[in-house]
């Protein structure tokens, strides 16, 4: 089995979500259409957005049952990410703090997807 190579988030407004994730990731999409957007992350994995209304078969689960976690090397990157994401208007669920697994914070996008930046504990 290979490592995870793509995460797919179902979104209610593809245009709004494209703009948000373009700002969060600091890059243009690798691929996009009217209902789909895909970004290539620094480690080679993909983060994709799909219009929830076009998912087949339809989705019955609500967002927020899992998290997208962006790992960083320095604690200062956690603090910088918090300030940046807060300025973008994300719902901040947990301010930066030390947790058993590392220094982290937790945010939520407009669709309810949980997004975390974390410096893993050593």
PDB file of N, CA and C in Angstrom:
ATOM      1  N   UNK A   1       0.849  -1.181   0.000  1.00  0.00           N
ATOM      2  CA  UNK A   1       0.000   0.000   0.000  1.00  0.00           C
ATOM      3  C   UNK A   1       0.895   1.246   0.000  1.00  0.00           C
ATOM      4  N   UNK A   2       0.460   2.259  -0.681  1.00  0.00           N
ATOM      5  CA  UNK A   2       1.219   3.511  -0.728  1.00  0.00           C
ATOM      6  C   UNK A   2       0.639   4.514   0.256  1.00  0.00           C
ATOM      7  N   UNK A   3       1.374   5.571   0.495  1.00  0.00           N
ATOM      8  CA  UNK A   3       0.913   6.631   1.384  1.00  0.00           C
ATOM      9  C   UNK A   3      -0.253   7.370   0.757  1.00  0.00           C
ATOM     10  N   UNK A   4      -1.020   8.029   1.593  1.00  0.00           N
ATOM     11  CA  UNK A   4      -2.128   8.833   1.095  1.00  0.00           C
ATOM     12  C   UNK A   4      -1.594   9.873   0.131  1.00  0.00           C
ATOM     13  N   UNK A   5      -2.250  10.010  -1.013  1.00  0.00           N
ATOM     14  CA  UNK A   5      -1.760  10.965  -1.993  1.00  0.00           C
ATOM     15  C   UNK A   5      -2.753  12.076  -2.306  1.00  0.00           C
ATOM     16  N   UNK A   6      -4.029  11.933  -1.886  1.00  0.00           N
ATOM     17  CA  UNK A   6      -4.997  12.997  -2.131  1.00  0.00           C
ATOM     18  C   UNK A   6      -6.071  12.987  -1.057  1.00  0.00           C
ATOM     19  N   UNK A   7      -6.415  14.176  -0.600  1.00  0.00           N
ATOM     20  CA  UNK A   7      -7.566  14.371   0.276  1.00  0.00           C
ATOM     21  C   UNK A   7      -8.593  15.150  -0.523  1.00  0.00           C
ATOM     22  N   UNK A   8      -9.858  14.794  -0.372  1.00  0.00           N
ATOM     23  CA  UNK A   8     -10.945  15.416  -1.127  1.00  0.00           C
ATOM     24  C   UNK A   8     -11.974  15.959  -0.146  1.00  0.00           C
ATOM     25  N   UNK A   9     -12.242  17.264  -0.248  1.00  0.00           N
ATOM     26  CA  UNK A   9     -13.247  17.913   0.589  1.00  0.00           C
ATOM     27  C   UNK A   9     -14.458  18.261  -0.263  1.00  0.00           C
ATOM     28  N   UNK A  10     -15.643  17.941   0.227  1.00  0.00           N
ATOM     29  CA  UNK A  10     -16.882  18.315  -0.449  1.00  0.00           C
ATOM     30  C   UNK A  10     -17.278  19.711   0.026  1.00  0.00           C
ATOM     31  N   UNK A  11     -17.515  20.619  -0.903  1.00  0.00           N
ATOM     32  CA  UNK A  11     -17.794  22.008  -0.563  1.00  0.00           C
ATOM     33  C   UNK A  11     -19.117  22.468  -1.167  1.00  0.00           C
ATOM     34  N   UNK A  12     -19.738  23.442  -0.545  1.00  0.00           N
ATOM     35  CA  UNK A  12     -21.029  23.941  -1.027  1.00  0.00           C
ATOM     36  C   UNK A  12     -20.882  25.045  -2.065  1.00  0.00           C
ATOM     37  N   UNK A  13     -19.754  25.745  -2.056  1.00  0.00           N
ATOM     38  CA  UNK A  13     -19.528  26.837  -3.003  1.00  0.00           C
ATOM     39  C   UNK A  13     -18.094  26.719  -3.513  1.00  0.00           C
ATOM     40  N   UNK A  14     -17.930  26.144  -4.694  1.00  0.00           N
ATOM     41  CA  UNK A  14     -16.600  25.858  -5.224  1.00  0.00           C
ATOM     42  C   UNK A  14     -15.772  27.123  -5.438  1.00  0.00           C
ATOM     43  N   UNK A  15     -16.404  28.211  -5.849  1.00  0.00           N
ATOM     44  CA  UNK A  15     -15.680  29.462  -6.085  1.00  0.00           C
ATOM     45  C   UNK A  15     -15.140  30.024  -4.777  1.00  0.00           C
ATOM     46  N   UNK A  16     -15.980  30.089  -3.768  1.00  0.00           N
ATOM     47  CA  UNK A  16     -15.559  30.598  -2.447  1.00  0.00           C
ATOM     48  C   UNK A  16     -14.445  29.725  -1.871  1.00  0.00           C
ATOM     49  N   UNK A  17     -14.615  28.412  -1.963  1.00  0.00           N
ATOM     50  CA  UNK A  17     -13.618  27.504  -1.407  1.00  0.00           C
ATOM     51  C   UNK A  17     -12.315  27.550  -2.189  1.00  0.00           C
ATOM     52  N   UNK A  18     -12.378  27.677  -3.502  1.00  0.00           N
ATOM     53  CA  UNK A  18     -11.165  27.802  -4.316  1.00  0.00           C
ATOM     54  C   UNK A  18     -10.356  29.015  -3.862  1.00  0.00           C
ATOM     55  N   UNK A  19     -11.041  30.139  -3.700  1.00  0.00           N
ATOM     56  CA  UNK A  19     -10.363  31.371  -3.284  1.00  0.00           C
ATOM     57  C   UNK A  19      -9.734  31.217  -1.903  1.00  0.00           C
ATOM     58  N   UNK A  20     -10.464  30.619  -0.970  1.00  0.00           N
ATOM     59  CA  UNK A  20      -9.947  30.439   0.385  1.00  0.00           C
ATOM     60  C   UNK A  20      -8.713  29.539   0.377  1.00  0.00           C
ATOM     61  N   UNK A  21      -8.810  28.371  -0.249  1.00  0.00           N
ATOM     62  CA  UNK A  21      -7.689  27.429  -0.227  1.00  0.00           C
ATOM     63  C   UNK A  21      -6.508  27.930  -1.055  1.00  0.00           C
ATOM     64  N   UNK A  22      -6.762  28.714  -2.069  1.00  0.00           N
ATOM     65  CA  UNK A  22      -5.664  29.338  -2.814  1.00  0.00           C
ATOM     66  C   UNK A  22      -4.880  30.258  -1.881  1.00  0.00           C
ATOM     67  N   UNK A  23      -5.583  31.008  -1.045  1.00  0.00           N
ATOM     68  CA  UNK A  23      -4.917  31.895  -0.075  1.00  0.00           C
ATOM     69  C   UNK A  23      -4.239  31.090   1.034  1.00  0.00           C
ATOM     70  N   UNK A  24      -4.911  30.064   1.543  1.00  0.00           N
ATOM     71  CA  UNK A  24      -4.330  29.251   2.610  1.00  0.00           C
ATOM     72  C   UNK A  24      -3.040  28.575   2.168  1.00  0.00           C
ATOM     73  N   UNK A  25      -3.041  28.060   0.942  1.00  0.00           N
ATOM     74  CA  UNK A  25      -1.901  27.302   0.429  1.00  0.00           C
ATOM     75  C   UNK A  25      -0.877  28.173  -0.288  1.00  0.00           C
ATOM     76  N   UNK A  26      -1.268  29.402  -0.635  1.00  0.00           N
ATOM     77  CA  UNK A  26      -0.351  30.317  -1.311  1.00  0.00           C
ATOM     78  C   UNK A  26       0.023  29.891  -2.712  1.00  0.00           C
ATOM     79  N   UNK A  27      -0.933  29.301  -3.422  1.00  0.00           N
ATOM     80  CA  UNK A  27      -0.652  28.839  -4.781  1.00  0.00           C
ATOM     81  C   UNK A  27      -1.918  28.721  -5.618  1.00  0.00           C
ATOM     82  N   UNK A  28      -1.712  28.698  -6.922  1.00  0.00           N
ATOM     83  CA  UNK A  28      -2.796  28.484  -7.871  1.00  0.00           C
ATOM     84  C   UNK A  28      -3.133  26.994  -7.927  1.00  0.00           C
ATOM     85  N   UNK A  29      -4.369  26.645  -8.293  1.00  0.00           N
ATOM     86  CA  UNK A  29      -4.712  25.231  -8.456  1.00  0.00           C
ATOM     87  C   UNK A  29      -3.913  24.584  -9.589  1.00  0.00           C
ATOM     88  N   UNK A  30      -3.669  23.313  -9.438  1.00  0.00           N
ATOM     89  CA  UNK A  30      -3.015  22.518 -10.467  1.00  0.00           C
ATOM     90  C   UNK A  30      -4.010  22.178 -11.566  1.00  0.00           C
ATOM     91  N   UNK A  31      -5.261  21.957 -11.165  1.00  0.00           N
ATOM     92  CA  UNK A  31      -6.328  21.580 -12.095  1.00  0.00           C
ATOM     93  C   UNK A  31      -7.644  22.138 -11.566  1.00  0.00           C
ATOM     94  N   UNK A  32      -8.537  22.548 -12.471  1.00  0.00           N
ATOM     95  CA  UNK A  32      -9.851  22.994 -12.028  1.00  0.00           C
ATOM     96  C   UNK A  32     -10.873  22.924 -13.149  1.00  0.00           C
ATOM     97  N   UNK A  33     -12.126  22.758 -12.732  1.00  0.00           N
ATOM     98  CA  UNK A  33     -13.266  22.790 -13.642  1.00  0.00           C
ATOM     99  C   UNK A  33     -14.400  23.482 -12.888  1.00  0.00           C
ATOM    100  N   UNK A  34     -15.592  23.448 -13.439  1.00  0.00           N
ATOM    101  CA  UNK A  34     -16.724  24.134 -12.801  1.00  0.00           C
ATOM    102  C   UNK A  34     -17.072  23.541 -11.433  1.00  0.00           C
ATOM    103  N   UNK A  35     -16.795  22.249 -11.204  1.00  0.00           N
ATOM    104  CA  UNK A  35     -17.167  21.580  -9.957  1.00  0.00           C
ATOM    105  C   UNK A  35     -15.992  21.010  -9.175  1.00  0.00           C
ATOM    106  N   UNK A  36     -14.757  21.216  -9.637  1.00  0.00           N
ATOM    107  CA  UNK A  36     -13.599  20.544  -9.040  1.00  0.00           C
ATOM    108  C   UNK A  36     -12.369  21.438  -9.081  1.00  0.00           C
ATOM    109  N   UNK A  37     -11.586  21.421  -7.988  1.00  0.00           N
ATOM    110  CA  UNK A  37     -10.319  22.156  -7.915  1.00  0.00           C
ATOM    111  C   UNK A  37      -9.313  21.256  -7.212  1.00  0.00           C
ATOM    112  N   UNK A  38      -8.081  21.201  -7.748  1.00  0.00           N
ATOM    113  CA  UNK A  38      -7.040  20.390  -7.128  1.00  0.00           C
ATOM    114  C   UNK A  38      -5.763  21.209  -6.961  1.00  0.00           C
ATOM    115  N   UNK A  39      -5.209  21.153  -5.743  1.00  0.00           N
ATOM    116  CA  UNK A  39      -3.949  21.814  -5.419  1.00  0.00           C
ATOM    117  C   UNK A  39      -2.893  20.755  -5.145  1.00  0.00           C
ATOM    118  N   UNK A  40      -1.660  21.019  -5.551  1.00  0.00           N
ATOM    119  CA  UNK A  40      -0.546  20.134  -5.236  1.00  0.00           C
ATOM    120  C   UNK A  40       0.201  20.717  -4.043  1.00  0.00           C
ATOM    121  N   UNK A  41       0.306  19.944  -2.971  1.00  0.00           N
ATOM    122  CA  UNK A  41       0.981  20.387  -1.763  1.00  0.00           C
ATOM    123  C   UNK A  41       2.488  20.190  -1.900  1.00  0.00           C
ATOM    124  N   UNK A  42       3.242  20.825  -1.022  1.00  0.00           N
ATOM    125  CA  UNK A  42       4.704  20.781  -1.086  1.00  0.00           C
ATOM    126  C   UNK A  42       5.270  19.372  -1.049  1.00  0.00           C
ATOM    127  N   UNK A  43       4.602  18.448  -0.335  1.00  0.00           N
ATOM    128  CA  UNK A  43       5.120  17.084  -0.228  1.00  0.00           C
ATOM    129  C   UNK A  43       4.676  16.187  -1.378  1.00  0.00           C
ATOM    130  N   UNK A  44       3.966  16.773  -2.360  1.00  0.00           N
ATOM    131  CA  UNK A  44       3.521  16.015  -3.520  1.00  0.00           C
ATOM    132  C   UNK A  44       2.097  15.501  -3.423  1.00  0.00           C
ATOM    133  N   UNK A  45       1.515  15.487  -2.228  1.00  0.00           N
ATOM    134  CA  UNK A  45       0.126  15.069  -2.076  1.00  0.00           C
ATOM    135  C   UNK A  45      -0.795  16.128  -2.678  1.00  0.00           C
ATOM    136  N   UNK A  46      -2.011  15.739  -2.969  1.00  0.00           N
ATOM    137  CA  UNK A  46      -3.008  16.640  -3.546  1.00  0.00           C
ATOM    138  C   UNK A  46      -4.104  16.934  -2.528  1.00  0.00           C
ATOM    139  N   UNK A  47      -4.597  18.158  -2.559  1.00  0.00           N
ATOM    140  CA  UNK A  47      -5.773  18.545  -1.789  1.00  0.00           C
ATOM    141  C   UNK A  47      -6.795  19.023  -2.801  1.00  0.00           C
ATOM    142  N   UNK A  48      -7.927  18.334  -2.848  1.00  0.00           N
ATOM    143  CA  UNK A  48      -8.940  18.644  -3.858  1.00  0.00           C
ATOM    144  C   UNK A  48     -10.249  19.070  -3.217  1.00  0.00           C
ATOM    145  N   UNK A  49     -10.989  19.872  -3.964  1.00  0.00           N
ATOM    146  CA  UNK A  49     -12.304  20.365  -3.562  1.00  0.00           C
ATOM    147  C   UNK A  49     -13.295  19.929  -4.618  1.00  0.00           C
ATOM    148  N   UNK A  50     -14.434  19.391  -4.211  1.00  0.00           N
ATOM    149  CA  UNK A  50     -15.467  18.947  -5.145  1.00  0.00           C
ATOM    150  C   UNK A  50     -16.801  19.516  -4.701  1.00  0.00           C
ATOM    151  N   UNK A  51     -17.542  20.080  -5.648  1.00  0.00           N
ATOM    152  CA  UNK A  51     -18.863  20.617  -5.362  1.00  0.00           C
ATOM    153  C   UNK A  51     -19.727  19.509  -4.783  1.00  0.00           C
ATOM    154  N   UNK A  52     -20.197  19.703  -3.569  1.00  0.00           N
ATOM    155  CA  UNK A  52     -20.981  18.678  -2.855  1.00  0.00           C
ATOM    156  C   UNK A  52     -22.192  18.209  -3.663  1.00  0.00           C
ATOM    157  N   UNK A  53     -22.819  19.110  -4.408  1.00  0.00           N
ATOM    158  CA  UNK A  53     -24.014  18.762  -5.178  1.00  0.00           C
ATOM    159  C   UNK A  53     -23.710  17.804  -6.332  1.00  0.00           C
ATOM    160  N   UNK A  54     -22.448  17.723  -6.761  1.00  0.00           N
ATOM    161  CA  UNK A  54     -22.116  16.859  -7.904  1.00  0.00           C
ATOM    162  C   UNK A  54     -21.542  15.503  -7.491  1.00  0.00           C
ATOM    163  N   UNK A  55     -21.440  15.223  -6.181  1.00  0.00           N
ATOM    164  CA  UNK A  55     -20.882  13.962  -5.703  1.00  0.00           C
ATOM    165  C   UNK A  55     -21.852  12.824  -5.993  1.00  0.00           C
ATOM    166  N   UNK A  56     -21.321  11.740  -6.567  1.00  0.00           N
ATOM    167  CA  UNK A  56     -22.129  10.557  -6.854  1.00  0.00           C
ATOM    168  C   UNK A  56     -21.416   9.331  -6.324  1.00  0.00           C
ATOM    169  N   UNK A  57     -22.067   8.493  -5.553  1.00  0.00           N
ATOM    170  CA  UNK A  57     -23.397   8.723  -4.983  1.00  0.00           C
ATOM    171  C   UNK A  57     -23.361   9.874  -3.988  1.00  0.00           C
ATOM    172  N   UNK A  58     -24.518  10.399  -3.699  1.00  0.00           N
ATOM    173  CA  UNK A  58     -24.629  11.558  -2.819  1.00  0.00           C
ATOM    174  C   UNK A  58     -23.996  11.330  -1.451  1.00  0.00           C
ATOM    175  N   UNK A  59     -23.622  12.409  -0.822  1.00  0.00           N
ATOM    176  CA  UNK A  59     -22.949  12.367   0.475  1.00  0.00           C
ATOM    177  C   UNK A  59     -23.978  12.549   1.580  1.00  0.00           C
ATOM    178  N   UNK A  60     -23.882  11.700   2.594  1.00  0.00           N
ATOM    179  CA  UNK A  60     -24.792  11.847   3.735  1.00  0.00           C
ATOM    180  C   UNK A  60     -24.056  12.322   4.984  1.00  0.00           C
ATOM    181  N   UNK A  61     -22.734  12.211   5.009  1.00  0.00           N
ATOM    182  CA  UNK A  61     -21.937  12.647   6.165  1.00  0.00           C
ATOM    183  C   UNK A  61     -21.763  14.156   6.153  1.00  0.00           C
ATOM    184  N   UNK A  62     -21.679  14.706   7.333  1.00  0.00           N
ATOM    185  CA  UNK A  62     -21.446  16.137   7.478  1.00  0.00           C
ATOM    186  C   UNK A  62     -19.948  16.404   7.641  1.00  0.00           C
ATOM    187  N   UNK A  63     -19.469  17.590   7.229  1.00  0.00           N
ATOM    188  CA  UNK A  63     -18.063  17.953   7.437  1.00  0.00           C
ATOM    189  C   UNK A  63     -17.742  18.041   8.924  1.00  0.00           C
ATOM    190  N   UNK A  64     -16.470  17.909   9.237  1.00  0.00           N
ATOM    191  CA  UNK A  64     -16.015  18.078  10.609  1.00  0.00           C
ATOM    192  C   UNK A  64     -15.720  16.782  11.330  1.00  0.00           C
ATOM    193  N   UNK A  65     -15.947  15.639  10.696  1.00  0.00           N
ATOM    194  CA  UNK A  65     -15.677  14.356  11.333  1.00  0.00           C
ATOM    195  C   UNK A  65     -14.204  13.974  11.247  1.00  0.00           C
ATOM    196  N   UNK A  66     -13.436  14.703  10.470  1.00  0.00           N
ATOM    197  CA  UNK A  66     -12.006  14.458  10.305  1.00  0.00           C
ATOM    198  C   UNK A  66     -11.310  15.810  10.171  1.00  0.00           C
ATOM    199  N   UNK A  67      -9.992  15.783  10.146  1.00  0.00           N
ATOM    200  CA  UNK A  67      -9.226  17.024  10.021  1.00  0.00           C
ATOM    201  C   UNK A  67      -8.197  16.901   8.908  1.00  0.00           C
ATOM    202  N   UNK A  68      -7.913  18.027   8.269  1.00  0.00           N
ATOM    203  CA  UNK A  68      -6.755  18.143   7.392  1.00  0.00           C
ATOM    204  C   UNK A  68      -5.673  18.782   8.259  1.00  0.00           C
ATOM    205  N   UNK A  69      -4.527  18.125   8.386  1.00  0.00           N
ATOM    206  CA  UNK A  69      -3.455  18.608   9.246  1.00  0.00           C
ATOM    207  C   UNK A  69      -2.249  18.976   8.387  1.00  0.00           C
ATOM    208  N   UNK A  70      -1.769  20.193   8.556  1.00  0.00           N
ATOM    209  CA  UNK A  70      -0.571  20.678   7.882  1.00  0.00           C
ATOM    210  C   UNK A  70       0.558  20.680   8.914  1.00  0.00           C
ATOM    211  N   UNK A  71       1.563  19.833   8.716  1.00  0.00           N
ATOM    212  CA  UNK A  71       2.691  19.750   9.647  1.00  0.00           C
ATOM    213  C   UNK A  71       3.741  20.792   9.302  1.00  0.00           C
ATOM    214  N   UNK A  72       4.284  21.420  10.339  1.00  0.00           N
ATOM    215  CA  UNK A  72       5.340  22.425  10.176  1.00  0.00           C
ATOM    216  C   UNK A  72       6.503  22.058  11.095  1.00  0.00           C
ATOM    217  N   UNK A  73       7.672  22.649  10.825  1.00  0.00           N
ATOM    218  CA  UNK A  73       8.876  22.333  11.596  1.00  0.00           C
ATOM    219  C   UNK A  73       9.070  23.228  12.813  1.00  0.00           C
ATOM    220  N   UNK A  74       8.572  24.450  12.745  1.00  0.00           N
ATOM    221  CA  UNK A  74       8.844  25.444  13.795  1.00  0.00           C
ATOM    222  C   UNK A  74       7.555  25.905  14.479  1.00  0.00           C
ATOM    223  N   UNK A  75       7.636  26.147  15.770  1.00  0.00           N
ATOM    224  CA  UNK A  75       6.491  26.666  16.522  1.00  0.00           C
ATOM    225  C   UNK A  75       6.051  28.023  15.982  1.00  0.00           C
ATOM    226  N   UNK A  76       7.008  28.813  15.503  1.00  0.00           N
ATOM    227  CA  UNK A  76       6.662  30.131  14.967  1.00  0.00           C
ATOM    228  C   UNK A  76       5.748  30.010  13.748  1.00  0.00           C
ATOM    229  N   UNK A  77       5.851  28.903  13.007  1.00  0.00           N
ATOM    230  CA  UNK A  77       4.973  28.692  11.841  1.00  0.00           C
ATOM    231  C   UNK A  77       3.533  28.437  12.287  1.00  0.00           C
ATOM    232  N   UNK A  78       3.359  27.831  13.454  1.00  0.00           N
ATOM    233  CA  UNK A  78       2.017  27.634  14.004  1.00  0.00           C
ATOM    234  C   UNK A  78       1.410  28.998  14.336  1.00  0.00           C
ATOM    235  N   UNK A  79       2.164  29.831  15.033  1.00  0.00           N
ATOM    236  CA  UNK A  79       1.666  31.158  15.416  1.00  0.00           C
ATOM    237  C   UNK A  79       1.393  32.029  14.187  1.00  0.00           C
ATOM    238  N   UNK A  80       2.282  31.980  13.217  1.00  0.00           N
ATOM    239  CA  UNK A  80       2.099  32.751  11.987  1.00  0.00           C
ATOM    240  C   UNK A  80       0.863  32.259  11.224  1.00  0.00           C
ATOM    241  N   UNK A  81       0.688  30.942  11.143  1.00  0.00           N
ATOM    242  CA  UNK A  81      -0.493  30.375  10.480  1.00  0.00           C
ATOM    243  C   UNK A  81      -1.780  30.786  11.165  1.00  0.00           C
ATOM    244  N   UNK A  82      -1.783  30.789  12.489  1.00  0.00           N
ATOM    245  CA  UNK A  82      -2.968  31.201  13.234  1.00  0.00           C
ATOM    246  C   UNK A  82      -3.359  32.627  12.875  1.00  0.00           C
ATOM    247  N   UNK A  83      -2.393  33.531  12.902  1.00  0.00           N
ATOM    248  CA  UNK A  83      -2.671  34.937  12.591  1.00  0.00           C
ATOM    249  C   UNK A  83      -3.158  35.089  11.149  1.00  0.00           C
ATOM    250  N   UNK A  84      -2.534  34.381  10.244  1.00  0.00           N
ATOM    251  CA  UNK A  84      -2.897  34.462   8.826  1.00  0.00           C
ATOM    252  C   UNK A  84      -4.306  33.926   8.584  1.00  0.00           C
ATOM    253  N   UNK A  85      -4.617  32.766   9.142  1.00  0.00           N
ATOM    254  CA  UNK A  85      -5.931  32.157   8.931  1.00  0.00           C
ATOM    255  C   UNK A  85      -7.023  32.956   9.624  1.00  0.00           C
ATOM    256  N   UNK A  86      -6.711  33.526  10.766  1.00  0.00           N
ATOM    257  CA  UNK A  86      -7.678  34.369  11.458  1.00  0.00           C
ATOM    258  C   UNK A  86      -8.001  35.592  10.601  1.00  0.00           C
ATOM    259  N   UNK A  87      -6.989  36.174   9.968  1.00  0.00           N
ATOM    260  CA  UNK A  87      -7.188  37.341   9.107  1.00  0.00           C
ATOM    261  C   UNK A  87      -8.034  36.996   7.884  1.00  0.00           C
ATOM    262  N   UNK A  88      -7.993  35.719   7.447  1.00  0.00           N
ATOM    263  CA  UNK A  88      -8.808  35.285   6.311  1.00  0.00           C
ATOM    264  C   UNK A  88     -10.262  35.044   6.708  1.00  0.00           C
ATOM    265  N   UNK A  89     -10.566  35.105   7.997  1.00  0.00           N
ATOM    266  CA  UNK A  89     -11.938  34.948   8.456  1.00  0.00           C
ATOM    267  C   UNK A  89     -12.348  33.527   8.794  1.00  0.00           C
ATOM    268  N   UNK A  90     -11.374  32.620   8.908  1.00  0.00           N
ATOM    269  CA  UNK A  90     -11.713  31.259   9.319  1.00  0.00           C
ATOM    270  C   UNK A  90     -12.223  31.267  10.755  1.00  0.00           C
ATOM    271  N   UNK A  91     -13.103  30.344  11.067  1.00  0.00           N
ATOM    272  CA  UNK A  91     -13.599  30.186  12.430  1.00  0.00           C
ATOM    273  C   UNK A  91     -12.503  29.489  13.239  1.00  0.00           C
ATOM    274  N   UNK A  92     -11.934  30.162  14.207  1.00  0.00           N
ATOM    275  CA  UNK A  92     -10.848  29.604  14.998  1.00  0.00           C
ATOM    276  C   UNK A  92     -11.446  28.826  16.174  1.00  0.00           C
ATOM    277  N   UNK A  93     -11.280  27.509  16.160  1.00  0.00           N
ATOM    278  CA  UNK A  93     -11.865  26.651  17.183  1.00  0.00           C
ATOM    279  C   UNK A  93     -10.982  26.484  18.412  1.00  0.00           C
ATOM    280  N   UNK A  94      -9.653  26.571  18.212  1.00  0.00           N
ATOM    281  CA  UNK A  94      -8.706  26.363  19.296  1.00  0.00           C
ATOM    282  C   UNK A  94      -7.482  27.225  19.046  1.00  0.00           C
ATOM    283  N   UNK A  95      -7.136  28.125  19.971  1.00  0.00           N
ATOM    284  CA  UNK A  95      -5.947  28.959  19.768  1.00  0.00           C
ATOM    285  C   UNK A  95      -4.674  28.116  19.893  1.00  0.00           C
ATOM    286  N   UNK A  96      -3.543  28.651  19.452  1.00  0.00           N
ATOM    287  CA  UNK A  96      -2.287  27.901  19.561  1.00  0.00           C
ATOM    288  C   UNK A  96      -2.008  27.479  20.997  1.00  0.00           C
ATOM    289  N   UNK A  97      -1.671  26.208  21.142  1.00  0.00           N
ATOM    290  CA  UNK A  97      -1.356  25.668  22.456  1.00  0.00           C
ATOM    291  C   UNK A  97      -0.641  24.332  22.331  1.00  0.00           C
ATOM    292  N   UNK A  98       0.002  23.948  23.405  1.00  0.00           N
ATOM    293  CA  UNK A  98       0.695  22.664  23.452  1.00  0.00           C
ATOM    294  C   UNK A  98      -0.320  21.567  23.754  1.00  0.00           C
ATOM    295  N   UNK A  99      -0.333  20.526  22.916  1.00  0.00           N
ATOM    296  CA  UNK A  99      -1.188  19.359  23.115  1.00  0.00           C
ATOM    297  C   UNK A  99      -0.265  18.146  23.244  1.00  0.00           C
ATOM    298  N   UNK A 100      -0.773  16.986  23.620  1.00  0.00           N
ATOM    299  CA  UNK A 100       0.087  15.812  23.779  1.00  0.00           C
ATOM    300  C   UNK A 100       0.876  15.446  22.508  1.00  0.00           C
ATOM    301  N   UNK A 101       0.347  15.780  21.342  1.00  0.00           N
ATOM    302  CA  UNK A 101       0.983  15.418  20.069  1.00  0.00           C
ATOM    303  C   UNK A 101       1.812  16.547  19.456  1.00  0.00           C
ATOM    304  N   UNK A 102       1.780  17.774  20.055  1.00  0.00           N
ATOM    305  CA  UNK A 102       2.575  18.871  19.536  1.00  0.00           C
ATOM    306  C   UNK A 102       1.937  20.229  19.777  1.00  0.00           C
ATOM    307  N   UNK A 103       2.593  21.263  19.273  1.00  0.00           N
ATOM    308  CA  UNK A 103       2.098  22.640  19.367  1.00  0.00           C
ATOM    309  C   UNK A 103       1.189  22.876  18.173  1.00  0.00           C
ATOM    310  N   UNK A 104      -0.040  23.343  18.412  1.00  0.00           N
ATOM    311  CA  UNK A 104      -1.049  23.313  17.367  1.00  0.00           C
ATOM    312  C   UNK A 104      -2.154  24.339  17.591  1.00  0.00           C
ATOM    313  N   UNK A 105      -2.952  24.549  16.541  1.00  0.00           N
ATOM    314  CA  UNK A 105      -4.232  25.250  16.650  1.00  0.00           C
ATOM    315  C   UNK A 105      -5.201  24.588  15.689  1.00  0.00           C
ATOM    316  N   UNK A 106      -6.486  24.907  15.828  1.00  0.00           N
ATOM    317  CA  UNK A 106      -7.520  24.296  15.001  1.00  0.00           C
ATOM    318  C   UNK A 106      -8.470  25.366  14.485  1.00  0.00           C
ATOM    319  N   UNK A 107      -8.768  25.292  13.192  1.00  0.00           N
ATOM    320  CA  UNK A 107      -9.689  26.233  12.544  1.00  0.00           C
ATOM    321  C   UNK A 107     -10.747  25.448  11.781  1.00  0.00           C
ATOM    322  N   UNK A 108     -11.736  26.184  11.272  1.00  0.00           N
ATOM    323  CA  UNK A 108     -12.818  25.567  10.526  1.00  0.00           C
ATOM    324  C   UNK A 108     -13.170  26.466   9.348  1.00  0.00           C
ATOM    325  N   UNK A 109     -13.324  25.864   8.145  1.00  0.00           N
ATOM    326  CA  UNK A 109     -13.707  26.666   6.985  1.00  0.00           C
ATOM    327  C   UNK A 109     -15.223  26.845   6.948  1.00  0.00           C
ATOM    328  N   UNK A 110     -15.727  27.546   5.943  1.00  0.00           N
ATOM    329  CA  UNK A 110     -17.157  27.865   5.859  1.00  0.00           C
ATOM    330  C   UNK A 110     -18.037  26.627   5.698  1.00  0.00           C
ATOM    331  N   UNK A 111     -17.471  25.530   5.194  1.00  0.00           N
ATOM    332  CA  UNK A 111     -18.235  24.286   5.047  1.00  0.00           C
ATOM    333  C   UNK A 111     -18.172  23.412   6.295  1.00  0.00           C
ATOM    334  N   UNK A 112     -17.378  23.810   7.286  1.00  0.00           N
ATOM    335  CA  UNK A 112     -17.266  23.044   8.515  1.00  0.00           C
ATOM    336  C   UNK A 112     -16.087  22.082   8.546  1.00  0.00           C
ATOM    337  N   UNK A 113     -15.217  22.117   7.538  1.00  0.00           N
ATOM    338  CA  UNK A 113     -14.032  21.261   7.533  1.00  0.00           C
ATOM    339  C   UNK A 113     -13.040  21.768   8.569  1.00  0.00           C
ATOM    340  N   UNK A 114     -12.516  20.849   9.359  1.00  0.00           N
ATOM    341  CA  UNK A 114     -11.560  21.189  10.417  1.00  0.00           C
ATOM    342  C   UNK A 114     -10.153  21.191   9.818  1.00  0.00           C
ATOM    343  N   UNK A 115      -9.415  22.285  10.046  1.00  0.00           N
ATOM    344  CA  UNK A 115      -8.073  22.472   9.512  1.00  0.00           C
ATOM    345  C   UNK A 115      -7.126  22.761  10.662  1.00  0.00           C
ATOM    346  N   UNK A 116      -6.003  22.058  10.697  1.00  0.00           N
ATOM    347  CA  UNK A 116      -5.061  22.188  11.801  1.00  0.00           C
ATOM    348  C   UNK A 116      -3.664  22.426  11.253  1.00  0.00           C
ATOM    349  N   UNK A 117      -2.906  23.293  11.917  1.00  0.00           N
ATOM    350  CA  UNK A 117      -1.466  23.397  11.696  1.00  0.00           C
ATOM    351  C   UNK A 117      -0.817  22.898  12.966  1.00  0.00           C
ATOM    352  N   UNK A 118       0.190  22.038  12.818  1.00  0.00           N
ATOM    353  CA  UNK A 118       0.804  21.411  13.982  1.00  0.00           C
ATOM    354  C   UNK A 118       2.309  21.255  13.808  1.00  0.00           C
ATOM    355  N   UNK A 119       3.041  21.602  14.859  1.00  0.00           N
ATOM    356  CA  UNK A 119       4.459  21.243  14.960  1.00  0.00           C
ATOM    357  C   UNK A 119       4.470  20.011  15.851  1.00  0.00           C
ATOM    358  N   UNK A 120       4.742  18.839  15.280  1.00  0.00           N
ATOM    359  CA  UNK A 120       4.686  17.606  16.076  1.00  0.00           C
ATOM    360  C   UNK A 120       5.625  17.670  17.274  1.00  0.00           C
ATOM    361  N   UNK A 121       5.196  17.023  18.363  1.00  0.00           N
ATOM    362  CA  UNK A 121       6.031  16.934  19.554  1.00  0.00           C
ATOM    363  C   UNK A 121       7.261  16.087  19.290  1.00  0.00           C
ATOM    364  N   UNK A 122       8.253  16.287  20.071  1.00  0.00           N
ATOM    365  CA  UNK A 122       9.505  15.538  19.874  1.00  0.00           C
ATOM    366  C   UNK A 122       9.696  14.549  21.002  1.00  0.00           C
TER     367      UNK A 122
END
